[in-house]
Structures are given as C-alpha cells and as structure tokens.
C-alpha cells in the first residue's frame, strides 16, 4: 500500500500531471460558467458563439492530447481507474 502511495505522489509531483489537473479544473469551471450564463450566451451574436465553441473545442482537444501523453508516459488512464 505504501509503495503505491509513493508512486502516486511521485507522479503527482510532475509538472505535466499538475498542468493536466489545472487544465481539467479550468475546463470544469468554464462548463459551470457556460451553464450559469446560458441565457446571456444564447442572446449573443452568432460570431461570438462560433468563437466560444471554437475556443472550447481547442481546450478540450488539448486536454485529450494531455490524456494521451500521461497514458504513454506514466500509464495513467482514467478509464482504467474507473473500471478497476
């Protein structure tokens, strides 16, 4: 048990893992803000909506690429954690 805890702490100490966690938190915060301000966003002009969706898709894509990097470098896969 202690060995696995030390492994987790060593993995969490890596800057790439911390950046991934911060990115995930910011994406979640963005999702809450979009839901919270949905009425005002719905009234926005189409150009602003296209810009918002484009920025969000880039952010989600970067987060997905970060998942691939973490899985190849450290063997960390959220699917394995959920189904384990």
C-alpha atoms as a PDB file:
ATOM      1  CA  UNK A   1       0.000   0.000   0.000  1.00  0.00           C
ATOM      2  CA  UNK A   2       2.795   2.406   0.888  1.00  0.00           C
ATOM      3  CA  UNK A   3       4.614   1.672  -2.360  1.00  0.00           C
ATOM      4  CA  UNK A   4       1.576   2.602  -4.451  1.00  0.00           C
ATOM      5  CA  UNK A   5       1.107   5.800  -2.402  1.00  0.00           C
ATOM      6  CA  UNK A   6       4.735   6.773  -3.061  1.00  0.00           C
ATOM      7  CA  UNK A   7       4.241   6.100  -6.781  1.00  0.00           C
ATOM      8  CA  UNK A   8       1.134   8.309  -6.854  1.00  0.00           C
ATOM      9  CA  UNK A   9       2.926  11.115  -5.023  1.00  0.00           C
ATOM     10  CA  UNK A  10       5.882  10.886  -7.437  1.00  0.00           C
ATOM     11  CA  UNK A  11       3.551  11.045 -10.427  1.00  0.00           C
ATOM     12  CA  UNK A  12       1.637  13.995  -8.955  1.00  0.00           C
ATOM     13  CA  UNK A  13       4.926  15.869  -8.477  1.00  0.00           C
ATOM     14  CA  UNK A  14       5.499  16.005 -12.249  1.00  0.00           C
ATOM     15  CA  UNK A  15       4.713  19.360 -13.900  1.00  0.00           C
ATOM     16  CA  UNK A  16       2.836  17.702 -16.765  1.00  0.00           C
ATOM     17  CA  UNK A  17       0.427  15.992 -14.369  1.00  0.00           C
ATOM     18  CA  UNK A  18      -0.126  19.195 -12.422  1.00  0.00           C
ATOM     19  CA  UNK A  19      -0.731  21.139 -15.649  1.00  0.00           C
ATOM     20  CA  UNK A  20      -3.225  18.494 -16.738  1.00  0.00           C
ATOM     21  CA  UNK A  21      -5.085  18.736 -13.429  1.00  0.00           C
ATOM     22  CA  UNK A  22      -5.183  22.538 -13.594  1.00  0.00           C
ATOM     23  CA  UNK A  23      -6.431  22.348 -17.189  1.00  0.00           C
ATOM     24  CA  UNK A  24      -9.172  19.928 -16.154  1.00  0.00           C
ATOM     25  CA  UNK A  25     -10.223  22.212 -13.300  1.00  0.00           C
ATOM     26  CA  UNK A  26     -10.360  25.226 -15.630  1.00  0.00           C
ATOM     27  CA  UNK A  27     -12.435  23.268 -18.163  1.00  0.00           C
ATOM     28  CA  UNK A  28     -14.865  22.270 -15.423  1.00  0.00           C
ATOM     29  CA  UNK A  29     -15.068  25.879 -14.222  1.00  0.00           C
ATOM     30  CA  UNK A  30     -15.713  27.014 -17.794  1.00  0.00           C
ATOM     31  CA  UNK A  31     -18.514  24.474 -18.093  1.00  0.00           C
ATOM     32  CA  UNK A  32     -20.146  25.803 -14.924  1.00  0.00           C
ATOM     33  CA  UNK A  33     -19.837  29.384 -16.163  1.00  0.00           C
ATOM     34  CA  UNK A  34     -21.384  28.490 -19.525  1.00  0.00           C
ATOM     35  CA  UNK A  35     -24.330  26.782 -17.815  1.00  0.00           C
ATOM     36  CA  UNK A  36     -24.713  29.622 -15.334  1.00  0.00           C
ATOM     37  CA  UNK A  37     -24.712  32.308 -18.067  1.00  0.00           C
ATOM     38  CA  UNK A  38     -26.608  30.319 -20.687  1.00  0.00           C
ATOM     39  CA  UNK A  39     -29.377  32.896 -21.155  1.00  0.00           C
ATOM     40  CA  UNK A  40     -26.996  35.727 -21.913  1.00  0.00           C
ATOM     41  CA  UNK A  41     -24.853  33.484 -24.152  1.00  0.00           C
ATOM     42  CA  UNK A  42     -27.941  32.436 -26.092  1.00  0.00           C
ATOM     43  CA  UNK A  43     -28.667  36.080 -26.854  1.00  0.00           C
ATOM     44  CA  UNK A  44     -25.120  36.716 -28.124  1.00  0.00           C
ATOM     45  CA  UNK A  45     -24.412  37.277 -31.770  1.00  0.00           C
ATOM     46  CA  UNK A  46     -23.552  34.195 -33.875  1.00  0.00           C
ATOM     47  CA  UNK A  47     -19.927  35.247 -34.416  1.00  0.00           C
ATOM     48  CA  UNK A  48     -19.304  35.303 -30.651  1.00  0.00           C
ATOM     49  CA  UNK A  49     -20.940  31.871 -30.260  1.00  0.00           C
ATOM     50  CA  UNK A  50     -18.793  30.388 -33.028  1.00  0.00           C
ATOM     51  CA  UNK A  51     -15.709  31.880 -31.385  1.00  0.00           C
ATOM     52  CA  UNK A  52     -16.679  30.469 -27.972  1.00  0.00           C
ATOM     53  CA  UNK A  53     -17.345  26.991 -29.350  1.00  0.00           C
ATOM     54  CA  UNK A  54     -14.055  27.052 -31.269  1.00  0.00           C
ATOM     55  CA  UNK A  55     -12.059  28.026 -28.188  1.00  0.00           C
ATOM     56  CA  UNK A  56     -13.776  25.357 -26.092  1.00  0.00           C
ATOM     57  CA  UNK A  57     -13.105  22.693 -28.722  1.00  0.00           C
ATOM     58  CA  UNK A  58      -9.409  23.594 -28.789  1.00  0.00           C
ATOM     59  CA  UNK A  59      -9.273  23.453 -24.974  1.00  0.00           C
ATOM     60  CA  UNK A  60     -10.962  20.034 -24.861  1.00  0.00           C
ATOM     61  CA  UNK A  61      -8.678  18.762 -27.631  1.00  0.00           C
ATOM     62  CA  UNK A  62      -5.571  19.870 -25.757  1.00  0.00           C
ATOM     63  CA  UNK A  63      -6.883  18.174 -22.618  1.00  0.00           C
ATOM     64  CA  UNK A  64      -7.430  14.966 -24.621  1.00  0.00           C
ATOM     65  CA  UNK A  65      -3.885  15.121 -26.003  1.00  0.00           C
ATOM     66  CA  UNK A  66      -2.666  15.560 -22.433  1.00  0.00           C
ATOM     67  CA  UNK A  67      -4.529  12.356 -21.516  1.00  0.00           C
ATOM     68  CA  UNK A  68      -2.683  10.520 -24.279  1.00  0.00           C
ATOM     69  CA  UNK A  69       0.651  11.871 -23.078  1.00  0.00           C
ATOM     70  CA  UNK A  70       0.011  10.895 -19.475  1.00  0.00           C
ATOM     71  CA  UNK A  71      -1.080   7.427 -20.519  1.00  0.00           C
ATOM     72  CA  UNK A  72       2.008   6.838 -22.656  1.00  0.00           C
ATOM     73  CA  UNK A  73       4.478   8.334 -20.162  1.00  0.00           C
ATOM     74  CA  UNK A  74       3.080   7.132 -16.838  1.00  0.00           C
ATOM     75  CA  UNK A  75       0.473   4.524 -17.707  1.00  0.00           C
ATOM     76  CA  UNK A  76      -2.264   6.696 -16.197  1.00  0.00           C
ATOM     77  CA  UNK A  77      -5.648   6.101 -17.779  1.00  0.00           C
ATOM     78  CA  UNK A  78      -8.877   7.380 -16.243  1.00  0.00           C
ATOM     79  CA  UNK A  79     -10.778   4.527 -17.905  1.00  0.00           C
ATOM     80  CA  UNK A  80      -8.583   2.010 -16.072  1.00  0.00           C
ATOM     81  CA  UNK A  81      -9.196   3.810 -12.766  1.00  0.00           C
ATOM     82  CA  UNK A  82     -12.966   3.792 -13.231  1.00  0.00           C
ATOM     83  CA  UNK A  83     -13.210   0.174 -14.381  1.00  0.00           C
ATOM     84  CA  UNK A  84     -10.626  -1.246 -11.986  1.00  0.00           C
END
